[in-house]
N, C-alpha and C. Protein backbone atom coordinates (compact mmCIF):
# COMPACT_ATOMS: atom_id res chain seq x y z
N MET A 1 5.63 23.68 10.59
CA MET A 1 5.74 23.23 9.08
C MET A 1 6.64 21.71 9.20
N LYS A 2 6.37 20.63 8.61
CA LYS A 2 6.97 19.57 8.54
C LYS A 2 6.71 18.92 7.18
N THR A 3 8.18 18.50 6.40
CA THR A 3 7.73 18.16 4.98
C THR A 3 8.69 16.63 4.91
N PHE A 4 7.79 15.83 3.99
CA PHE A 4 8.06 14.62 3.95
C PHE A 4 8.43 14.31 2.27
N LYS A 5 9.68 13.73 2.18
CA LYS A 5 9.97 13.24 0.71
C LYS A 5 8.95 12.24 0.24
N TYR A 6 8.41 12.45 -1.07
CA TYR A 6 7.12 11.35 -1.36
C TYR A 6 7.60 11.20 -3.20
N GLY A 7 8.25 10.13 -3.26
CA GLY A 7 8.71 9.83 -4.40
C GLY A 7 10.04 8.61 -4.40
N SER A 8 9.72 7.41 -4.45
CA SER A 8 10.86 6.58 -4.28
C SER A 8 12.11 6.72 -5.47
N ARG A 9 13.15 6.87 -5.06
CA ARG A 9 14.25 7.11 -5.74
C ARG A 9 14.85 5.62 -6.37
N SER A 10 14.63 4.57 -5.89
CA SER A 10 15.01 3.01 -6.18
C SER A 10 13.80 2.35 -6.60
N VAL A 11 12.89 2.72 -7.51
CA VAL A 11 11.77 2.17 -7.64
C VAL A 11 11.65 0.68 -8.42
N LEU A 12 12.83 0.94 -9.17
CA LEU A 12 12.99 -0.31 -10.24
C LEU A 12 13.63 -1.32 -9.28
N LYS A 13 14.49 -1.28 -8.40
CA LYS A 13 15.41 -2.17 -7.57
C LYS A 13 14.32 -2.80 -6.82
N ASP A 14 13.49 -1.88 -6.16
CA ASP A 14 12.29 -2.19 -5.22
C ASP A 14 11.35 -3.27 -5.90
N ASN A 15 11.08 -3.27 -7.01
CA ASN A 15 10.33 -4.01 -7.88
C ASN A 15 10.69 -5.17 -8.47
N LEU A 16 12.13 -5.15 -8.51
CA LEU A 16 12.83 -6.46 -9.47
C LEU A 16 12.33 -7.90 -8.99
N THR A 17 12.13 -8.17 -7.96
CA THR A 17 11.27 -9.44 -7.82
C THR A 17 10.20 -9.73 -8.39
N THR A 18 9.11 -8.75 -8.54
CA THR A 18 8.02 -8.86 -9.00
C THR A 18 7.72 -8.80 -10.42
N ILE A 19 8.96 -7.92 -11.06
CA ILE A 19 9.08 -8.02 -12.48
C ILE A 19 9.69 -9.47 -12.63
N GLY A 20 10.51 -10.24 -12.29
CA GLY A 20 10.94 -11.17 -12.58
C GLY A 20 9.94 -12.28 -12.33
N LEU A 21 9.07 -12.24 -11.62
CA LEU A 21 8.23 -13.26 -11.03
C LEU A 21 7.05 -13.12 -12.19
N SER A 22 6.75 -11.85 -12.75
CA SER A 22 5.54 -11.84 -13.78
C SER A 22 6.18 -12.25 -15.12
N LEU A 23 7.70 -12.01 -15.40
CA LEU A 23 8.07 -12.51 -16.60
C LEU A 23 8.42 -13.91 -16.55
N LEU A 24 8.60 -14.55 -15.72
CA LEU A 24 8.66 -15.88 -15.39
C LEU A 24 7.18 -16.72 -15.95
N MET A 25 6.19 -16.14 -15.25
CA MET A 25 4.79 -16.58 -15.20
C MET A 25 4.45 -16.48 -16.89
N ILE A 26 5.09 -15.42 -17.53
CA ILE A 26 4.61 -15.41 -18.88
C ILE A 26 5.38 -16.09 -20.01
N VAL A 27 6.75 -16.32 -19.46
CA VAL A 27 7.62 -17.27 -20.42
C VAL A 27 7.57 -18.73 -20.30
N ALA A 28 7.36 -19.11 -18.88
CA ALA A 28 7.59 -20.48 -18.61
C ALA A 28 6.27 -21.19 -19.27
N PRO A 29 5.20 -20.98 -19.22
CA PRO A 29 4.34 -21.80 -19.95
C PRO A 29 4.24 -21.80 -21.47
N ILE A 30 5.15 -20.64 -21.93
CA ILE A 30 5.50 -20.70 -23.62
C ILE A 30 6.24 -21.53 -23.90
N VAL A 31 7.64 -21.92 -23.00
CA VAL A 31 8.45 -22.43 -23.12
C VAL A 31 8.38 -24.30 -23.13
N TYR A 32 7.53 -24.07 -21.82
CA TYR A 32 7.57 -25.55 -21.38
C TYR A 32 6.07 -25.68 -20.79
N PRO A 33 5.34 -25.95 -21.81
CA PRO A 33 3.61 -26.19 -21.53
C PRO A 33 3.33 -27.21 -20.55
N PHE A 34 2.77 -27.12 -19.41
CA PHE A 34 2.22 -28.19 -18.34
C PHE A 34 0.86 -27.93 -18.01
N GLY A 35 0.47 -28.84 -17.47
CA GLY A 35 -0.99 -29.05 -16.98
C GLY A 35 -1.14 -29.20 -15.80
N ILE A 36 -2.25 -29.21 -15.18
CA ILE A 36 -2.26 -29.39 -13.79
C ILE A 36 -3.13 -30.67 -13.34
N ARG A 37 -2.43 -31.31 -12.43
CA ARG A 37 -3.16 -32.86 -12.19
C ARG A 37 -3.03 -32.94 -10.83
N ILE A 38 -4.22 -33.74 -10.14
CA ILE A 38 -4.33 -34.20 -8.82
C ILE A 38 -4.43 -35.74 -9.13
N GLY A 39 -3.26 -36.45 -8.81
CA GLY A 39 -3.43 -37.67 -8.74
C GLY A 39 -3.26 -37.88 -9.98
N ARG A 40 -4.09 -38.64 -10.37
CA ARG A 40 -4.61 -39.17 -12.17
C ARG A 40 -5.34 -38.20 -12.63
N LEU A 41 -6.07 -37.32 -11.79
CA LEU A 41 -7.18 -36.73 -12.52
C LEU A 41 -6.53 -35.24 -13.12
N ARG A 42 -7.05 -35.32 -14.36
CA ARG A 42 -6.44 -33.93 -14.94
C ARG A 42 -7.00 -32.66 -14.84
N VAL A 43 -6.84 -31.94 -14.03
CA VAL A 43 -7.70 -30.88 -13.94
C VAL A 43 -7.55 -29.87 -14.88
N LEU A 44 -6.59 -29.29 -15.36
CA LEU A 44 -6.41 -28.36 -16.38
C LEU A 44 -5.27 -28.82 -17.24
N GLY A 45 -5.55 -28.62 -18.82
CA GLY A 45 -4.47 -29.00 -19.93
C GLY A 45 -3.45 -28.05 -19.91
N PRO A 46 -2.60 -28.25 -20.47
CA PRO A 46 -1.33 -27.13 -20.85
C PRO A 46 -1.87 -25.90 -21.48
N LEU A 47 -2.76 -25.90 -22.43
CA LEU A 47 -3.39 -24.50 -23.02
C LEU A 47 -4.20 -23.69 -21.99
N PRO A 48 -4.96 -24.29 -21.15
CA PRO A 48 -5.80 -23.42 -20.30
C PRO A 48 -4.66 -22.94 -18.99
N THR A 49 -3.87 -23.93 -18.67
CA THR A 49 -2.96 -23.17 -17.75
C THR A 49 -2.08 -22.46 -18.27
N ALA A 50 -1.64 -22.15 -19.50
CA ALA A 50 -0.65 -21.36 -20.04
C ALA A 50 -1.49 -20.00 -19.96
N ILE A 51 -2.66 -20.15 -20.59
CA ILE A 51 -3.40 -18.99 -20.80
C ILE A 51 -3.71 -18.17 -19.56
N ILE A 52 -4.02 -18.87 -18.53
CA ILE A 52 -4.35 -18.36 -17.02
C ILE A 52 -2.98 -17.64 -16.61
N LEU A 53 -1.82 -18.41 -16.75
CA LEU A 53 -0.54 -17.99 -16.07
C LEU A 53 -0.08 -16.74 -16.98
N ILE A 54 -0.13 -16.86 -18.19
CA ILE A 54 -0.03 -15.39 -19.09
C ILE A 54 -0.92 -14.29 -18.54
N ALA A 55 -1.90 -14.41 -18.57
CA ALA A 55 -2.67 -13.60 -18.24
C ALA A 55 -2.66 -12.84 -16.85
N ILE A 56 -2.57 -13.93 -15.86
CA ILE A 56 -1.76 -13.17 -14.58
C ILE A 56 -0.55 -12.35 -14.55
N GLY A 57 0.57 -12.94 -15.06
CA GLY A 57 1.58 -12.47 -15.42
C GLY A 57 1.63 -11.28 -16.37
N LEU A 58 0.74 -11.01 -17.17
CA LEU A 58 0.71 -9.62 -17.87
C LEU A 58 0.02 -8.60 -17.04
N PHE A 59 -0.98 -9.00 -16.39
CA PHE A 59 -1.64 -8.12 -15.55
C PHE A 59 -0.54 -7.85 -14.16
N ILE A 60 0.27 -8.45 -13.52
CA ILE A 60 1.14 -8.08 -12.62
C ILE A 60 2.18 -7.24 -13.27
N PHE A 61 2.66 -7.63 -14.41
CA PHE A 61 3.75 -6.58 -15.14
C PHE A 61 3.20 -5.24 -15.27
N VAL A 62 2.02 -5.29 -16.00
CA VAL A 62 1.57 -4.08 -16.25
C VAL A 62 1.36 -3.12 -14.95
N LYS A 63 0.84 -3.86 -13.84
CA LYS A 63 0.58 -3.04 -12.68
C LYS A 63 1.90 -2.49 -12.20
N VAL A 64 2.99 -3.22 -12.25
CA VAL A 64 4.49 -2.77 -11.80
C VAL A 64 4.90 -1.74 -12.70
N LEU A 65 4.66 -1.77 -13.69
CA LEU A 65 5.07 -0.85 -14.76
C LEU A 65 4.33 0.60 -14.77
N LEU A 66 2.95 0.68 -14.10
CA LEU A 66 2.24 1.61 -13.83
C LEU A 66 2.72 2.28 -12.66
N SER A 67 3.10 1.48 -11.56
CA SER A 67 3.66 2.00 -10.26
C SER A 67 5.03 2.49 -10.55
N ILE A 68 6.06 1.87 -11.39
CA ILE A 68 7.18 2.72 -11.60
C ILE A 68 7.09 4.02 -12.29
N ARG A 69 6.09 3.98 -13.59
CA ARG A 69 5.93 5.24 -13.92
C ARG A 69 5.50 6.36 -12.86
N GLN A 70 4.56 6.04 -12.11
CA GLN A 70 4.33 7.03 -11.30
C GLN A 70 5.38 7.61 -10.22
N ALA A 71 6.02 6.52 -9.81
CA ALA A 71 7.12 6.74 -9.13
C ALA A 71 8.21 7.70 -9.67
N ARG A 72 8.60 7.30 -10.89
CA ARG A 72 9.48 8.24 -11.58
C ARG A 72 8.81 9.76 -11.83
N ALA A 73 7.74 9.76 -12.19
CA ALA A 73 7.18 11.17 -12.23
C ALA A 73 7.29 11.82 -11.25
N LEU A 74 7.14 11.27 -9.80
CA LEU A 74 6.96 11.77 -8.43
C LEU A 74 8.46 12.28 -8.29
N ALA A 75 9.35 11.39 -8.33
CA ALA A 75 10.77 11.77 -8.18
C ALA A 75 11.36 12.61 -9.18
N ALA A 76 10.97 12.67 -10.41
CA ALA A 76 11.49 14.12 -11.22
C ALA A 76 10.98 15.25 -10.65
N LYS A 77 10.05 15.22 -10.29
CA LYS A 77 9.49 16.71 -9.63
C LYS A 77 9.93 16.88 -8.26
N ASP A 78 10.82 16.00 -7.74
CA ASP A 78 11.19 16.31 -6.33
C ASP A 78 10.12 16.66 -5.48
N CYS A 79 8.85 15.67 -5.58
CA CYS A 79 7.63 16.01 -4.82
C CYS A 79 7.89 15.66 -2.91
N VAL A 80 6.84 16.60 -2.45
CA VAL A 80 7.32 16.53 -1.14
C VAL A 80 5.72 16.52 -0.40
N ILE A 81 5.48 15.95 0.64
CA ILE A 81 4.07 16.38 1.40
C ILE A 81 4.55 17.22 2.56
N THR A 82 3.56 18.34 2.36
CA THR A 82 4.00 19.25 3.59
C THR A 82 2.63 19.29 4.44
N VAL A 83 3.17 19.23 5.90
CA VAL A 83 2.08 19.25 6.76
C VAL A 83 2.20 20.66 7.25
N ASP A 84 1.29 21.58 7.36
CA ASP A 84 1.72 23.20 7.82
C ASP A 84 0.23 23.25 8.78
N ASP A 85 0.59 23.19 10.19
CA ASP A 85 -0.65 23.39 11.24
C ASP A 85 -1.84 22.36 10.76
N ASP A 86 -3.07 22.92 10.07
CA ASP A 86 -3.88 22.10 9.76
C ASP A 86 -4.03 21.99 8.51
N ARG A 87 -3.19 22.02 7.82
CA ARG A 87 -3.27 21.77 6.21
C ARG A 87 -1.98 20.82 5.92
N VAL A 88 -2.49 20.12 4.83
CA VAL A 88 -1.54 18.97 4.23
C VAL A 88 -1.69 19.25 2.64
N THR A 89 -0.52 19.35 2.22
CA THR A 89 -0.60 19.49 0.61
C THR A 89 0.46 18.23 0.25
N TYR A 90 -0.03 17.55 -0.92
CA TYR A 90 0.26 16.53 -1.41
C TYR A 90 0.27 16.20 -2.81
N PRO A 91 1.12 15.55 -3.53
CA PRO A 91 1.31 15.46 -4.93
C PRO A 91 0.35 14.51 -5.36
N ILE A 92 -0.31 14.50 -6.40
CA ILE A 92 -0.88 13.21 -6.99
C ILE A 92 -0.69 13.51 -8.54
N ILE A 93 -0.75 12.21 -9.18
CA ILE A 93 -0.65 12.23 -10.66
C ILE A 93 -1.89 11.81 -11.42
N LYS A 94 -2.33 12.77 -12.21
CA LYS A 94 -3.45 12.63 -12.87
C LYS A 94 -3.01 12.83 -14.46
N LYS A 95 -3.37 11.62 -15.20
CA LYS A 95 -3.19 12.04 -16.81
C LYS A 95 -1.60 12.02 -16.94
N GLY A 96 -0.56 11.64 -15.99
CA GLY A 96 0.69 11.82 -16.16
C GLY A 96 1.45 13.09 -15.72
N VAL A 97 0.54 13.95 -15.30
CA VAL A 97 1.15 15.26 -14.74
C VAL A 97 0.97 15.02 -13.00
N VAL A 98 1.81 15.73 -12.81
CA VAL A 98 1.91 15.90 -11.20
C VAL A 98 1.13 17.04 -10.81
N GLN A 99 -0.06 17.09 -9.94
CA GLN A 99 -0.67 17.90 -9.72
C GLN A 99 -0.65 17.74 -7.84
N TRP A 100 -1.23 19.30 -7.42
CA TRP A 100 -0.96 19.37 -5.85
C TRP A 100 -2.47 19.43 -5.40
N GLU A 101 -2.63 18.70 -4.50
CA GLU A 101 -3.83 18.76 -3.74
C GLU A 101 -3.72 19.08 -2.09
N VAL A 102 -4.51 19.57 -1.74
CA VAL A 102 -4.69 20.00 -0.02
C VAL A 102 -6.12 19.46 0.39
N PHE A 103 -5.65 19.37 1.79
CA PHE A 103 -6.87 18.92 2.75
C PHE A 103 -6.57 19.41 3.99
N LYS A 104 -7.43 19.62 4.86
CA LYS A 104 -7.31 20.13 6.27
C LYS A 104 -7.22 18.89 7.15
N ILE A 105 -6.78 18.96 7.79
CA ILE A 105 -6.54 17.89 8.94
C ILE A 105 -7.64 17.83 9.92
N SER A 106 -8.32 18.90 10.14
CA SER A 106 -9.69 18.50 10.80
C SER A 106 -10.75 18.13 9.78
N GLU A 107 -10.71 17.91 8.72
CA GLU A 107 -11.67 17.22 7.89
C GLU A 107 -11.51 15.86 7.78
N ILE A 108 -10.48 15.43 8.33
CA ILE A 108 -10.37 13.74 8.08
C ILE A 108 -11.33 12.96 9.00
N SER A 109 -11.77 12.32 8.46
CA SER A 109 -13.06 11.26 9.17
C SER A 109 -12.27 9.81 9.50
N ASP A 110 -11.36 9.51 8.59
CA ASP A 110 -10.80 8.17 9.04
C ASP A 110 -9.60 7.92 8.15
N VAL A 111 -8.64 7.32 8.93
CA VAL A 111 -7.09 6.87 8.22
C VAL A 111 -7.19 5.27 8.26
N GLY A 112 -7.15 4.57 7.40
CA GLY A 112 -6.77 3.52 7.15
C GLY A 112 -5.77 2.83 6.47
N TYR A 113 -4.97 1.79 7.05
CA TYR A 113 -3.98 1.16 6.09
C TYR A 113 -4.40 -0.08 5.53
N ASP A 114 -3.58 -0.29 4.26
CA ASP A 114 -4.04 -1.73 3.75
C ASP A 114 -2.60 -2.25 3.23
N GLU A 115 -2.21 -3.27 4.51
CA GLU A 115 -0.94 -3.74 4.31
C GLU A 115 -0.74 -4.59 2.94
N GLU A 116 -1.58 -5.24 2.46
CA GLU A 116 -1.34 -5.79 1.24
C GLU A 116 -1.15 -4.98 0.26
N ASP A 117 -1.60 -4.32 0.07
CA ASP A 117 -1.57 -3.32 -1.18
C ASP A 117 -0.40 -2.10 -0.71
N GLY A 118 -0.25 -1.85 0.13
CA GLY A 118 0.71 -0.74 0.66
C GLY A 118 0.35 0.69 0.90
N VAL A 119 -0.83 0.71 0.89
CA VAL A 119 -1.63 1.94 0.66
C VAL A 119 -2.07 2.72 1.98
N LEU A 120 -1.85 3.77 2.39
CA LEU A 120 -2.53 4.46 3.42
C LEU A 120 -3.64 5.50 2.65
N THR A 121 -4.83 5.10 3.21
CA THR A 121 -5.98 5.86 2.77
C THR A 121 -6.51 6.83 3.87
N VAL A 122 -6.79 8.02 3.34
CA VAL A 122 -7.18 8.99 4.18
C VAL A 122 -8.65 9.33 3.72
N THR A 123 -9.52 9.09 4.55
CA THR A 123 -11.02 9.66 3.91
C THR A 123 -11.42 10.99 4.76
N LEU A 124 -11.79 11.74 4.18
CA LEU A 124 -12.31 13.11 4.46
C LEU A 124 -13.84 13.10 4.94
N LEU A 125 -14.34 14.22 5.29
CA LEU A 125 -15.71 14.16 5.67
C LEU A 125 -16.50 14.46 4.49
N ASN A 126 -16.13 14.87 3.23
CA ASN A 126 -16.99 15.19 2.45
C ASN A 126 -16.91 13.76 1.33
N GLY A 127 -16.18 12.91 1.89
CA GLY A 127 -16.39 11.60 1.15
C GLY A 127 -14.83 11.26 0.19
N THR A 128 -14.24 12.42 -0.19
CA THR A 128 -13.10 12.16 -1.03
C THR A 128 -11.87 11.43 -0.29
N LYS A 129 -11.26 10.58 -1.09
CA LYS A 129 -10.24 10.06 -0.31
C LYS A 129 -8.72 10.49 -0.65
N ALA A 130 -7.83 10.30 -0.14
CA ALA A 130 -6.43 10.71 -0.44
C ALA A 130 -5.64 9.39 -0.04
N GLU A 131 -5.05 8.96 -1.21
CA GLU A 131 -4.33 7.68 -1.11
C GLU A 131 -2.88 8.00 -1.06
N PHE A 132 -2.08 7.33 -0.18
CA PHE A 132 -0.48 7.57 -0.22
C PHE A 132 0.34 5.98 0.01
N ASP A 133 0.98 5.76 -1.32
CA ASP A 133 1.75 4.80 -1.27
C ASP A 133 2.86 4.56 -0.10
N PHE A 134 2.91 3.60 0.39
CA PHE A 134 3.88 3.31 1.46
C PHE A 134 5.32 3.35 0.86
N ASP A 135 5.70 2.74 -0.29
CA ASP A 135 6.84 2.84 -1.15
C ASP A 135 7.46 3.99 -1.24
N PHE A 136 6.78 5.07 -1.63
CA PHE A 136 7.10 6.52 -2.09
C PHE A 136 7.60 7.24 -0.85
N PHE A 137 7.37 6.81 0.40
CA PHE A 137 7.90 7.53 1.54
C PHE A 137 9.37 7.07 1.60
N GLU A 138 10.52 7.75 2.15
CA GLU A 138 12.12 7.44 2.18
C GLU A 138 11.99 6.14 3.10
N SER A 139 11.25 6.24 4.33
CA SER A 139 11.17 5.22 5.33
C SER A 139 10.09 4.86 6.23
N LEU A 140 9.91 3.83 6.79
CA LEU A 140 8.84 3.48 7.71
C LEU A 140 8.54 4.60 8.69
N ALA A 141 9.84 5.10 9.33
CA ALA A 141 9.77 6.09 10.04
C ALA A 141 8.99 7.48 9.88
N GLU A 142 9.19 7.70 8.89
CA GLU A 142 8.85 9.01 8.09
C GLU A 142 7.20 8.63 7.93
N LEU A 143 6.89 7.50 7.43
CA LEU A 143 5.34 7.36 7.22
C LEU A 143 4.72 7.55 8.59
N LYS A 144 5.30 6.62 9.62
CA LYS A 144 4.35 6.68 10.93
C LYS A 144 4.53 8.17 11.59
N GLU A 145 5.56 8.75 11.53
CA GLU A 145 5.49 10.26 11.56
C GLU A 145 4.55 11.03 10.84
N PHE A 146 4.41 10.99 9.71
CA PHE A 146 3.42 11.40 9.02
C PHE A 146 1.97 11.24 9.41
N VAL A 147 1.72 10.11 9.58
CA VAL A 147 0.12 9.56 10.19
C VAL A 147 0.13 10.21 11.66
N ALA A 148 1.29 10.08 12.16
CA ALA A 148 0.89 10.76 13.79
C ALA A 148 0.49 12.22 13.73
N LEU A 149 1.25 12.80 12.85
CA LEU A 149 0.68 14.18 12.40
C LEU A 149 -0.71 14.33 11.92
N ILE A 150 -1.17 13.66 11.12
CA ILE A 150 -2.31 13.72 10.64
C ILE A 150 -3.58 13.09 11.57
N GLN A 151 -3.27 12.18 12.56
CA GLN A 151 -4.16 11.71 13.43
C GLN A 151 -4.36 12.83 14.97
N LYS A 152 -3.74 13.83 14.99
CA LYS A 152 -3.85 14.84 15.88
C LYS A 152 -5.44 15.08 16.24
């Protein structure tokens, strides 16, 4: 039986740059409205540019806040992923509550990485997917060890 801690303790520190960037995208067009030009051609005026940047900034900010909320919920419960012979028990959050899901290693049909989103997706034979966030593992070495165990 092998266990892996699953829940970031420093989630706010990990996302500080993203929070700062999203706030900058929200505040900058309000304080200093600017348009986009290519040479002398005006592509976007100040108002559409501000609306686009604020919308993108709000989207990024909300996405980071939801990630922080999920990580704190997992850390509060001291969640771990347990690999025991052919059985994997892992925590998920549904409607703000930590629940435990189980799958068998023999039921895995595909294991895929999404480097851009930082997600490990395990697809089972019945079509269900289990997603594991890279940031919630304590280290990259633990993530690689977990993947090695489930790809037997």
